Amino acid sequence: NTIYLQMNSLKPEDTAVYYCNTAPS
């Protein structure tokens, strides 16, 4: 029951708090 987000080549503009939720609502 897990969703992953693999983030490569990270940039300073990727700085944020990341959340998961139903999409798009």
mmCIF file of all heavy atoms, coordinates in Angstrom:
data_MODEL
# 
_entry.id   MODEL 
# 
loop_
_atom_site.group_PDB 
_atom_site.id 
_atom_site.type_symbol 
_atom_site.label_atom_id 
_atom_site.label_alt_id 
_atom_site.label_comp_id 
_atom_site.label_asym_id 
_atom_site.label_entity_id 
_atom_site.label_seq_id 
_atom_site.pdbx_PDB_ins_code 
_atom_site.Cartn_x 
_atom_site.Cartn_y 
_atom_site.Cartn_z 
_atom_site.occupancy 
_atom_site.B_iso_or_equiv 
_atom_site.pdbx_formal_charge 
_atom_site.auth_seq_id 
_atom_site.auth_comp_id 
_atom_site.auth_asym_id 
_atom_site.auth_atom_id 
_atom_site.pdbx_PDB_model_num 
ATOM 1   N N   . ASN A 1 1  ? 0.837   -1.217 0.000   1.00 0.00 ? 1  ASN A N   1 
ATOM 2   C CA  . ASN A 1 1  ? 0.000   0.000  0.000   1.00 0.00 ? 1  ASN A CA  1 
ATOM 3   C C   . ASN A 1 1  ? 0.866   1.259  0.000   1.00 0.00 ? 1  ASN A C   1 
ATOM 4   O O   . ASN A 1 1  ? 0.569   2.241  0.703   1.00 0.00 ? 1  ASN A O   1 
ATOM 5   C CB  . ASN A 1 1  ? -0.933  0.031  1.214   1.00 0.00 ? 1  ASN A CB  1 
ATOM 6   C CG  . ASN A 1 1  ? -2.117  -0.906 1.053   1.00 0.00 ? 1  ASN A CG  1 
ATOM 7   O OD1 . ASN A 1 1  ? -2.171  -1.698 0.117   1.00 0.00 ? 1  ASN A OD1 1 
ATOM 8   N ND2 . ASN A 1 1  ? -3.060  -0.816 1.965   1.00 0.00 ? 1  ASN A ND2 1 
ATOM 9   N N   . THR A 1 2  ? 1.919   1.243  -0.781  1.00 0.00 ? 2  THR A N   1 
ATOM 10  C CA  . THR A 1 2  ? 2.902   2.332  -0.752  1.00 0.00 ? 2  THR A CA  1 
ATOM 11  C C   . THR A 1 2  ? 3.106   2.910  -2.143  1.00 0.00 ? 2  THR A C   1 
ATOM 12  O O   . THR A 1 2  ? 3.194   2.180  -3.131  1.00 0.00 ? 2  THR A O   1 
ATOM 13  C CB  . THR A 1 2  ? 4.240   1.826  -0.199  1.00 0.00 ? 2  THR A CB  1 
ATOM 14  O OG1 . THR A 1 2  ? 4.030   1.316  1.126   1.00 0.00 ? 2  THR A OG1 1 
ATOM 15  C CG2 . THR A 1 2  ? 5.269   2.946  -0.137  1.00 0.00 ? 2  THR A CG2 1 
ATOM 16  N N   . ILE A 1 3  ? 3.197   4.235  -2.174  1.00 0.00 ? 3  ILE A N   1 
ATOM 17  C CA  . ILE A 1 3  ? 3.526   4.976  -3.386  1.00 0.00 ? 3  ILE A CA  1 
ATOM 18  C C   . ILE A 1 3  ? 4.911   5.591  -3.186  1.00 0.00 ? 3  ILE A C   1 
ATOM 19  O O   . ILE A 1 3  ? 5.185   6.161  -2.126  1.00 0.00 ? 3  ILE A O   1 
ATOM 20  C CB  . ILE A 1 3  ? 2.519   6.116  -3.640  1.00 0.00 ? 3  ILE A CB  1 
ATOM 21  C CG1 . ILE A 1 3  ? 1.091   5.582  -3.688  1.00 0.00 ? 3  ILE A CG1 1 
ATOM 22  C CG2 . ILE A 1 3  ? 2.859   6.863  -4.926  1.00 0.00 ? 3  ILE A CG2 1 
ATOM 23  C CD1 . ILE A 1 3  ? 0.763   4.753  -4.877  1.00 0.00 ? 3  ILE A CD1 1 
ATOM 24  N N   . TYR A 1 4  ? 5.758   5.480  -4.180  1.00 0.00 ? 4  TYR A N   1 
ATOM 25  C CA  . TYR A 1 4  ? 7.111   6.029  -4.100  1.00 0.00 ? 4  TYR A CA  1 
ATOM 26  C C   . TYR A 1 4  ? 7.273   7.188  -5.074  1.00 0.00 ? 4  TYR A C   1 
ATOM 27  O O   . TYR A 1 4  ? 6.609   7.245  -6.114  1.00 0.00 ? 4  TYR A O   1 
ATOM 28  C CB  . TYR A 1 4  ? 8.140   4.964  -4.433  1.00 0.00 ? 4  TYR A CB  1 
ATOM 29  C CG  . TYR A 1 4  ? 8.111   3.771  -3.516  1.00 0.00 ? 4  TYR A CG  1 
ATOM 30  C CD1 . TYR A 1 4  ? 7.524   2.566  -3.912  1.00 0.00 ? 4  TYR A CD1 1 
ATOM 31  C CD2 . TYR A 1 4  ? 8.671   3.841  -2.243  1.00 0.00 ? 4  TYR A CD2 1 
ATOM 32  C CE1 . TYR A 1 4  ? 7.495   1.473  -3.075  1.00 0.00 ? 4  TYR A CE1 1 
ATOM 33  C CE2 . TYR A 1 4  ? 8.639   2.749  -1.393  1.00 0.00 ? 4  TYR A CE2 1 
ATOM 34  C CZ  . TYR A 1 4  ? 8.043   1.570  -1.811  1.00 0.00 ? 4  TYR A CZ  1 
ATOM 35  O OH  . TYR A 1 4  ? 8.011   0.496  -0.970  1.00 0.00 ? 4  TYR A OH  1 
ATOM 36  N N   . LEU A 1 5  ? 8.181   8.089  -4.726  1.00 0.00 ? 5  LEU A N   1 
ATOM 37  C CA  . LEU A 1 5  ? 8.595   9.130  -5.664  1.00 0.00 ? 5  LEU A CA  1 
ATOM 38  C C   . LEU A 1 5  ? 10.118  9.128  -5.684  1.00 0.00 ? 5  LEU A C   1 
ATOM 39  O O   . LEU A 1 5  ? 10.754  9.558  -4.716  1.00 0.00 ? 5  LEU A O   1 
ATOM 40  C CB  . LEU A 1 5  ? 8.066   10.498 -5.271  1.00 0.00 ? 5  LEU A CB  1 
ATOM 41  C CG  . LEU A 1 5  ? 8.345   11.598 -6.296  1.00 0.00 ? 5  LEU A CG  1 
ATOM 42  C CD1 . LEU A 1 5  ? 7.554   11.364 -7.585  1.00 0.00 ? 5  LEU A CD1 1 
ATOM 43  C CD2 . LEU A 1 5  ? 8.023   12.984 -5.726  1.00 0.00 ? 5  LEU A CD2 1 
ATOM 44  N N   . GLN A 1 6  ? 10.677  8.599  -6.747  1.00 0.00 ? 6  GLN A N   1 
ATOM 45  C CA  . GLN A 1 6  ? 12.124  8.628  -6.935  1.00 0.00 ? 6  GLN A CA  1 
ATOM 46  C C   . GLN A 1 6  ? 12.481  9.948  -7.589  1.00 0.00 ? 6  GLN A C   1 
ATOM 47  O O   . GLN A 1 6  ? 11.995  10.250 -8.690  1.00 0.00 ? 6  GLN A O   1 
ATOM 48  C CB  . GLN A 1 6  ? 12.575  7.463  -7.818  1.00 0.00 ? 6  GLN A CB  1 
ATOM 49  C CG  . GLN A 1 6  ? 14.054  7.445  -8.119  1.00 0.00 ? 6  GLN A CG  1 
ATOM 50  C CD  . GLN A 1 6  ? 14.904  7.188  -6.895  1.00 0.00 ? 6  GLN A CD  1 
ATOM 51  O OE1 . GLN A 1 6  ? 14.577  6.336  -6.078  1.00 0.00 ? 6  GLN A OE1 1 
ATOM 52  N NE2 . GLN A 1 6  ? 15.991  7.938  -6.745  1.00 0.00 ? 6  GLN A NE2 1 
ATOM 53  N N   . MET A 1 7  ? 13.318  10.724 -6.924  1.00 0.00 ? 7  MET A N   1 
ATOM 54  C CA  . MET A 1 7  ? 13.681  12.057 -7.406  1.00 0.00 ? 7  MET A CA  1 
ATOM 55  C C   . MET A 1 7  ? 15.170  12.068 -7.705  1.00 0.00 ? 7  MET A C   1 
ATOM 56  O O   . MET A 1 7  ? 15.992  11.906 -6.802  1.00 0.00 ? 7  MET A O   1 
ATOM 57  C CB  . MET A 1 7  ? 13.333  13.112 -6.353  1.00 0.00 ? 7  MET A CB  1 
ATOM 58  C CG  . MET A 1 7  ? 11.883  13.057 -5.903  1.00 0.00 ? 7  MET A CG  1 
ATOM 59  S SD  . MET A 1 7  ? 11.453  14.415 -4.788  1.00 0.00 ? 7  MET A SD  1 
ATOM 60  C CE  . MET A 1 7  ? 12.489  14.030 -3.389  1.00 0.00 ? 7  MET A CE  1 
ATOM 61  N N   . ASN A 1 8  ? 15.502  12.239 -8.964  1.00 0.00 ? 8  ASN A N   1 
ATOM 62  C CA  . ASN A 1 8  ? 16.899  12.296 -9.406  1.00 0.00 ? 8  ASN A CA  1 
ATOM 63  C C   . ASN A 1 8  ? 17.233  13.695 -9.900  1.00 0.00 ? 8  ASN A C   1 
ATOM 64  O O   . ASN A 1 8  ? 16.332  14.489 -10.193 1.00 0.00 ? 8  ASN A O   1 
ATOM 65  C CB  . ASN A 1 8  ? 17.135  11.286 -10.520 1.00 0.00 ? 8  ASN A CB  1 
ATOM 66  C CG  . ASN A 1 8  ? 16.900  9.854  -10.076 1.00 0.00 ? 8  ASN A CG  1 
ATOM 67  O OD1 . ASN A 1 8  ? 17.102  9.504  -8.912  1.00 0.00 ? 8  ASN A OD1 1 
ATOM 68  N ND2 . ASN A 1 8  ? 16.485  9.009  -11.007 1.00 0.00 ? 8  ASN A ND2 1 
ATOM 69  N N   . SER A 1 9  ? 18.517  13.962 -9.989  1.00 0.00 ? 9  SER A N   1 
ATOM 70  C CA  . SER A 1 9  ? 18.990  15.264 -10.508 1.00 0.00 ? 9  SER A CA  1 
ATOM 71  C C   . SER A 1 9  ? 18.269  16.424 -9.826  1.00 0.00 ? 9  SER A C   1 
ATOM 72  O O   . SER A 1 9  ? 17.768  17.341 -10.478 1.00 0.00 ? 9  SER A O   1 
ATOM 73  C CB  . SER A 1 9  ? 18.786  15.337 -12.027 1.00 0.00 ? 9  SER A CB  1 
ATOM 74  O OG  . SER A 1 9  ? 19.454  14.271 -12.663 1.00 0.00 ? 9  SER A OG  1 
ATOM 75  N N   . LEU A 1 10 ? 18.240  16.366 -8.515  1.00 0.00 ? 10 LEU A N   1 
ATOM 76  C CA  . LEU A 1 10 ? 17.496  17.380 -7.762  1.00 0.00 ? 10 LEU A CA  1 
ATOM 77  C C   . LEU A 1 10 ? 18.104  18.765 -7.936  1.00 0.00 ? 10 LEU A C   1 
ATOM 78  O O   . LEU A 1 10 ? 19.328  18.919 -8.063  1.00 0.00 ? 10 LEU A O   1 
ATOM 79  C CB  . LEU A 1 10 ? 17.438  16.994 -6.285  1.00 0.00 ? 10 LEU A CB  1 
ATOM 80  C CG  . LEU A 1 10 ? 16.391  15.909 -5.973  1.00 0.00 ? 10 LEU A CG  1 
ATOM 81  C CD1 . LEU A 1 10 ? 16.689  15.245 -4.639  1.00 0.00 ? 10 LEU A CD1 1 
ATOM 82  C CD2 . LEU A 1 10 ? 14.997  16.499 -5.990  1.00 0.00 ? 10 LEU A CD2 1 
ATOM 83  N N   . LYS A 1 11 ? 17.216  19.754 -7.936  1.00 0.00 ? 11 LYS A N   1 
ATOM 84  C CA  . LYS A 1 11 ? 17.596  21.154 -8.115  1.00 0.00 ? 11 LYS A CA  1 
ATOM 85  C C   . LYS A 1 11 ? 17.146  21.964 -6.893  1.00 0.00 ? 11 LYS A C   1 
ATOM 86  O O   . LYS A 1 11 ? 16.194  21.568 -6.207  1.00 0.00 ? 11 LYS A O   1 
ATOM 87  C CB  . LYS A 1 11 ? 16.912  21.713 -9.358  1.00 0.00 ? 11 LYS A CB  1 
ATOM 88  C CG  . LYS A 1 11 ? 17.171  20.951 -10.638 1.00 0.00 ? 11 LYS A CG  1 
ATOM 89  C CD  . LYS A 1 11 ? 16.362  21.532 -11.789 1.00 0.00 ? 11 LYS A CD  1 
ATOM 90  C CE  . LYS A 1 11 ? 16.592  20.786 -13.080 1.00 0.00 ? 11 LYS A CE  1 
ATOM 91  N NZ  . LYS A 1 11 ? 15.816  21.363 -14.202 1.00 0.00 ? 11 LYS A NZ  1 
ATOM 92  N N   . PRO A 1 12 ? 17.782  23.091 -6.645  1.00 0.00 ? 12 PRO A N   1 
ATOM 93  C CA  . PRO A 1 12 ? 17.332  23.924 -5.516  1.00 0.00 ? 12 PRO A CA  1 
ATOM 94  C C   . PRO A 1 12 ? 15.850  24.273 -5.589  1.00 0.00 ? 12 PRO A C   1 
ATOM 95  O O   . PRO A 1 12 ? 15.183  24.365 -4.553  1.00 0.00 ? 12 PRO A O   1 
ATOM 96  C CB  . PRO A 1 12 ? 18.213  25.163 -5.642  1.00 0.00 ? 12 PRO A CB  1 
ATOM 97  C CG  . PRO A 1 12 ? 19.475  24.660 -6.278  1.00 0.00 ? 12 PRO A CG  1 
ATOM 98  C CD  . PRO A 1 12 ? 19.019  23.614 -7.253  1.00 0.00 ? 12 PRO A CD  1 
ATOM 99  N N   . GLU A 1 13 ? 15.317  24.420 -6.786  1.00 0.00 ? 13 GLU A N   1 
ATOM 100 C CA  . GLU A 1 13 ? 13.895  24.764 -6.913  1.00 0.00 ? 13 GLU A CA  1 
ATOM 101 C C   . GLU A 1 13 ? 12.961  23.611 -6.587  1.00 0.00 ? 13 GLU A C   1 
ATOM 102 O O   . GLU A 1 13 ? 11.742  23.787 -6.552  1.00 0.00 ? 13 GLU A O   1 
ATOM 103 C CB  . GLU A 1 13 ? 13.589  25.298 -8.324  1.00 0.00 ? 13 GLU A CB  1 
ATOM 104 C CG  . GLU A 1 13 ? 14.085  24.426 -9.456  1.00 0.00 ? 13 GLU A CG  1 
ATOM 105 C CD  . GLU A 1 13 ? 15.438  24.894 -9.988  1.00 0.00 ? 13 GLU A CD  1 
ATOM 106 O OE1 . GLU A 1 13 ? 16.343  25.246 -9.186  1.00 0.00 ? 13 GLU A OE1 1 
ATOM 107 O OE2 . GLU A 1 13 ? 15.596  24.876 -11.240 1.00 0.00 ? 13 GLU A OE2 1 
ATOM 108 N N   . ASP A 1 14 ? 13.510  22.435 -6.331  1.00 0.00 ? 14 ASP A N   1 
ATOM 109 C CA  . ASP A 1 14 ? 12.701  21.310 -5.860  1.00 0.00 ? 14 ASP A CA  1 
ATOM 110 C C   . ASP A 1 14 ? 12.482  21.367 -4.351  1.00 0.00 ? 14 ASP A C   1 
ATOM 111 O O   . ASP A 1 14 ? 11.727  20.551 -3.803  1.00 0.00 ? 14 ASP A O   1 
ATOM 112 C CB  . ASP A 1 14 ? 13.361  19.980 -6.216  1.00 0.00 ? 14 ASP A CB  1 
ATOM 113 C CG  . ASP A 1 14 ? 13.447  19.743 -7.711  1.00 0.00 ? 14 ASP A CG  1 
ATOM 114 O OD1 . ASP A 1 14 ? 12.461  20.031 -8.417  1.00 0.00 ? 14 ASP A OD1 1 
ATOM 115 O OD2 . ASP A 1 14 ? 14.508  19.267 -8.171  1.00 0.00 ? 14 ASP A OD2 1 
ATOM 116 N N   . THR A 1 15 ? 13.132  22.292 -3.687  1.00 0.00 ? 15 THR A N   1 
ATOM 117 C CA  . THR A 1 15 ? 12.975  22.431 -2.240  1.00 0.00 ? 15 THR A CA  1 
ATOM 118 C C   . THR A 1 15 ? 11.529  22.754 -1.896  1.00 0.00 ? 15 THR A C   1 
ATOM 119 O O   . THR A 1 15 ? 10.947  23.712 -2.410  1.00 0.00 ? 15 THR A O   1 
ATOM 120 C CB  . THR A 1 15 ? 13.900  23.540 -1.719  1.00 0.00 ? 15 THR A CB  1 
ATOM 121 O OG1 . THR A 1 15 ? 15.258  23.143 -1.914  1.00 0.00 ? 15 THR A OG1 1 
ATOM 122 C CG2 . THR A 1 15 ? 13.650  23.803 -0.234  1.00 0.00 ? 15 THR A CG2 1 
ATOM 123 N N   . ALA A 1 16 ? 10.939  21.933 -1.031  1.00 0.00 ? 16 ALA A N   1 
ATOM 124 C CA  . ALA A 1 16 ? 9.526   22.077 -0.669  1.00 0.00 ? 16 ALA A CA  1 
ATOM 125 C C   . ALA A 1 16 ? 9.176   21.023 0.364   1.00 0.00 ? 16 ALA A C   1 
ATOM 126 O O   . ALA A 1 16 ? 9.957   20.098 0.612   1.00 0.00 ? 16 ALA A O   1 
ATOM 127 C CB  . ALA A 1 16 ? 8.636   21.906 -1.900  1.00 0.00 ? 16 ALA A CB  1 
ATOM 128 N N   . VAL A 1 17 ? 7.978   21.151 0.931   1.00 0.00 ? 17 VAL A N   1 
ATOM 129 C CA  . VAL A 1 17 ? 7.389   20.050 1.693   1.00 0.00 ? 17 VAL A CA  1 
ATOM 130 C C   . VAL A 1 17 ? 6.579   19.219 0.702   1.00 0.00 ? 17 VAL A C   1 
ATOM 131 O O   . VAL A 1 17 ? 5.772   19.760 -0.052  1.00 0.00 ? 17 VAL A O   1 
ATOM 132 C CB  . VAL A 1 17 ? 6.490   20.561 2.830   1.00 0.00 ? 17 VAL A CB  1 
ATOM 133 C CG1 . VAL A 1 17 ? 5.890   19.382 3.587   1.00 0.00 ? 17 VAL A CG1 1 
ATOM 134 C CG2 . VAL A 1 17 ? 7.293   21.446 3.782   1.00 0.00 ? 17 VAL A CG2 1 
ATOM 135 N N   . TYR A 1 18 ? 6.831   17.929 0.710   1.00 0.00 ? 18 TYR A N   1 
ATOM 136 C CA  . TYR A 1 18 ? 6.170   17.018 -0.215  1.00 0.00 ? 18 TYR A CA  1 
ATOM 137 C C   . TYR A 1 18 ? 5.080   16.235 0.518   1.00 0.00 ? 18 TYR A C   1 
ATOM 138 O O   . TYR A 1 18 ? 5.301   15.719 1.622   1.00 0.00 ? 18 TYR A O   1 
ATOM 139 C CB  . TYR A 1 18 ? 7.186   16.064 -0.835  1.00 0.00 ? 18 TYR A CB  1 
ATOM 140 C CG  . TYR A 1 18 ? 8.026   16.725 -1.904  1.00 0.00 ? 18 TYR A CG  1 
ATOM 141 C CD1 . TYR A 1 18 ? 9.007   17.656 -1.577  1.00 0.00 ? 18 TYR A CD1 1 
ATOM 142 C CD2 . TYR A 1 18 ? 7.841   16.423 -3.253  1.00 0.00 ? 18 TYR A CD2 1 
ATOM 143 C CE1 . TYR A 1 18 ? 9.769   18.286 -2.548  1.00 0.00 ? 18 TYR A CE1 1 
ATOM 144 C CE2 . TYR A 1 18 ? 8.603   17.032 -4.244  1.00 0.00 ? 18 TYR A CE2 1 
ATOM 145 C CZ  . TYR A 1 18 ? 9.559   17.961 -3.885  1.00 0.00 ? 18 TYR A CZ  1 
ATOM 146 O OH  . TYR A 1 18 ? 10.314  18.573 -4.855  1.00 0.00 ? 18 TYR A OH  1 
ATOM 147 N N   . TYR A 1 19 ? 3.924   16.154 -0.120  1.00 0.00 ? 19 TYR A N   1 
ATOM 148 C CA  . TYR A 1 19 ? 2.764   15.467 0.429   1.00 0.00 ? 19 TYR A CA  1 
ATOM 149 C C   . TYR A 1 19 ? 2.239   14.464 -0.594  1.00 0.00 ? 19 TYR A C   1 
ATOM 150 O O   . TYR A 1 19 ? 2.409   14.638 -1.797  1.00 0.00 ? 19 TYR A O   1 
ATOM 151 C CB  . TYR A 1 19 ? 1.621   16.448 0.710   1.00 0.00 ? 19 TYR A CB  1 
ATOM 152 C CG  . TYR A 1 19 ? 1.944   17.604 1.611   1.00 0.00 ? 19 TYR A CG  1 
ATOM 153 C CD1 . TYR A 1 19 ? 2.505   18.771 1.103   1.00 0.00 ? 19 TYR A CD1 1 
ATOM 154 C CD2 . TYR A 1 19 ? 1.661   17.551 2.970   1.00 0.00 ? 19 TYR A CD2 1 
ATOM 155 C CE1 . TYR A 1 19 ? 2.779   19.850 1.916   1.00 0.00 ? 19 TYR A CE1 1 
ATOM 156 C CE2 . TYR A 1 19 ? 1.927   18.628 3.806   1.00 0.00 ? 19 TYR A CE2 1 
ATOM 157 C CZ  . TYR A 1 19 ? 2.489   19.765 3.276   1.00 0.00 ? 19 TYR A CZ  1 
ATOM 158 O OH  . TYR A 1 19 ? 2.751   20.841 4.096   1.00 0.00 ? 19 TYR A OH  1 
ATOM 159 N N   . CYS A 1 20 ? 1.534   13.454 -0.102  1.00 0.00 ? 20 CYS A N   1 
ATOM 160 C CA  . CYS A 1 20 ? 0.777   12.605 -1.016  1.00 0.00 ? 20 CYS A CA  1 
ATOM 161 C C   . CYS A 1 20 ? -0.700  12.714 -0.657  1.00 0.00 ? 20 CYS A C   1 
ATOM 162 O O   . CYS A 1 20 ? -1.064  12.989 0.484   1.00 0.00 ? 20 CYS A O   1 
ATOM 163 C CB  . CYS A 1 20 ? 1.251   11.157 -0.970  1.00 0.00 ? 20 CYS A CB  1 
ATOM 164 S SG  . CYS A 1 20 ? 1.162   10.378 0.646   1.00 0.00 ? 20 CYS A SG  1 
ATOM 165 N N   . ASN A 1 21 ? -1.527  12.496 -1.651  1.00 0.00 ? 21 ASN A N   1 
ATOM 166 C CA  . ASN A 1 21 ? -2.972  12.554 -1.462  1.00 0.00 ? 21 ASN A CA  1 
ATOM 167 C C   . ASN A 1 21 ? -3.624  12.034 -2.724  1.00 0.00 ? 21 ASN A C   1 
ATOM 168 O O   . ASN A 1 21 ? -2.947  11.751 -3.727  1.00 0.00 ? 21 ASN A O   1 
ATOM 169 C CB  . ASN A 1 21 ? -3.438  13.987 -1.183  1.00 0.00 ? 21 ASN A CB  1 
ATOM 170 C CG  . ASN A 1 21 ? -4.714  14.045 -0.364  1.00 0.00 ? 21 ASN A CG  1 
ATOM 171 O OD1 . ASN A 1 21 ? -5.643  13.280 -0.596  1.00 0.00 ? 21 ASN A OD1 1 
ATOM 172 N ND2 . ASN A 1 21 ? -4.747  14.935 0.616   1.00 0.00 ? 21 ASN A ND2 1 
ATOM 173 N N   . THR A 1 22 ? -4.926  11.880 -2.683  1.00 0.00 ? 22 THR A N   1 
ATOM 174 C CA  . THR A 1 22 ? -5.634  11.496 -3.900  1.00 0.00 ? 22 THR A CA  1 
ATOM 175 C C   . THR A 1 22 ? -5.426  12.595 -4.948  1.00 0.00 ? 22 THR A C   1 
ATOM 176 O O   . THR A 1 22 ? -5.211  13.756 -4.608  1.00 0.00 ? 22 THR A O   1 
ATOM 177 C CB  . THR A 1 22 ? -7.129  11.316 -3.629  1.00 0.00 ? 22 THR A CB  1 
ATOM 178 O OG1 . THR A 1 22 ? -7.677  12.549 -3.164  1.00 0.00 ? 22 THR A OG1 1 
ATOM 179 C CG2 . THR A 1 22 ? -7.367  10.227 -2.592  1.00 0.00 ? 22 THR A CG2 1 
ATOM 180 N N   . ALA A 1 23 ? -5.462  12.195 -6.173  1.00 0.00 ? 23 ALA A N   1 
ATOM 181 C CA  . ALA A 1 23 ? -5.197  13.159 -7.260  1.00 0.00 ? 23 ALA A CA  1 
ATOM 182 C C   . ALA A 1 23 ? -6.232  12.992 -8.360  1.00 0.00 ? 23 ALA A C   1 
ATOM 183 O O   . ALA A 1 23 ? -6.539  11.861 -8.738  1.00 0.00 ? 23 ALA A O   1 
ATOM 184 C CB  . ALA A 1 23 ? -3.786  12.960 -7.808  1.00 0.00 ? 23 ALA A CB  1 
ATOM 185 N N   . PRO A 1 24 ? -6.746  14.097 -8.871  1.00 0.00 ? 24 PRO A N   1 
ATOM 186 C CA  . PRO A 1 24 ? -6.275  15.456 -8.606  1.00 0.00 ? 24 PRO A CA  1 
ATOM 187 C C   . PRO A 1 24 ? -7.004  16.184 -7.477  1.00 0.00 ? 24 PRO A C   1 
ATOM 188 O O   . PRO A 1 24 ? -6.703  17.347 -7.207  1.00 0.00 ? 24 PRO A O   1 
ATOM 189 C CB  . PRO A 1 24 ? -6.573  16.160 -9.933  1.00 0.00 ? 24 PRO A CB  1 
ATOM 190 C CG  . PRO A 1 24 ? -7.838  15.507 -10.387 1.00 0.00 ? 24 PRO A CG  1 
ATOM 191 C CD  . PRO A 1 24 ? -7.705  14.064 -9.998  1.00 0.00 ? 24 PRO A CD  1 
ATOM 192 N N   . SER A 1 25 ? -7.934  15.520 -6.785  1.00 0.00 ? 25 SER A N   1 
ATOM 193 C CA  . SER A 1 25 ? -8.794  16.270 -5.867  1.00 0.00 ? 25 SER A CA  1 
ATOM 194 C C   . SER A 1 25 ? -8.169  16.547 -4.505  1.00 0.00 ? 25 SER A C   1 
ATOM 195 O O   . SER A 1 25 ? -8.538  17.507 -3.842  1.00 0.00 ? 25 SER A O   1 
ATOM 196 C CB  . SER A 1 25 ? -10.111 15.526 -5.659  1.00 0.00 ? 25 SER A CB  1 
ATOM 197 O OG  . SER A 1 25 ? -9.850  14.253 -5.089  1.00 0.00 ? 25 SER A OG  1 
# 
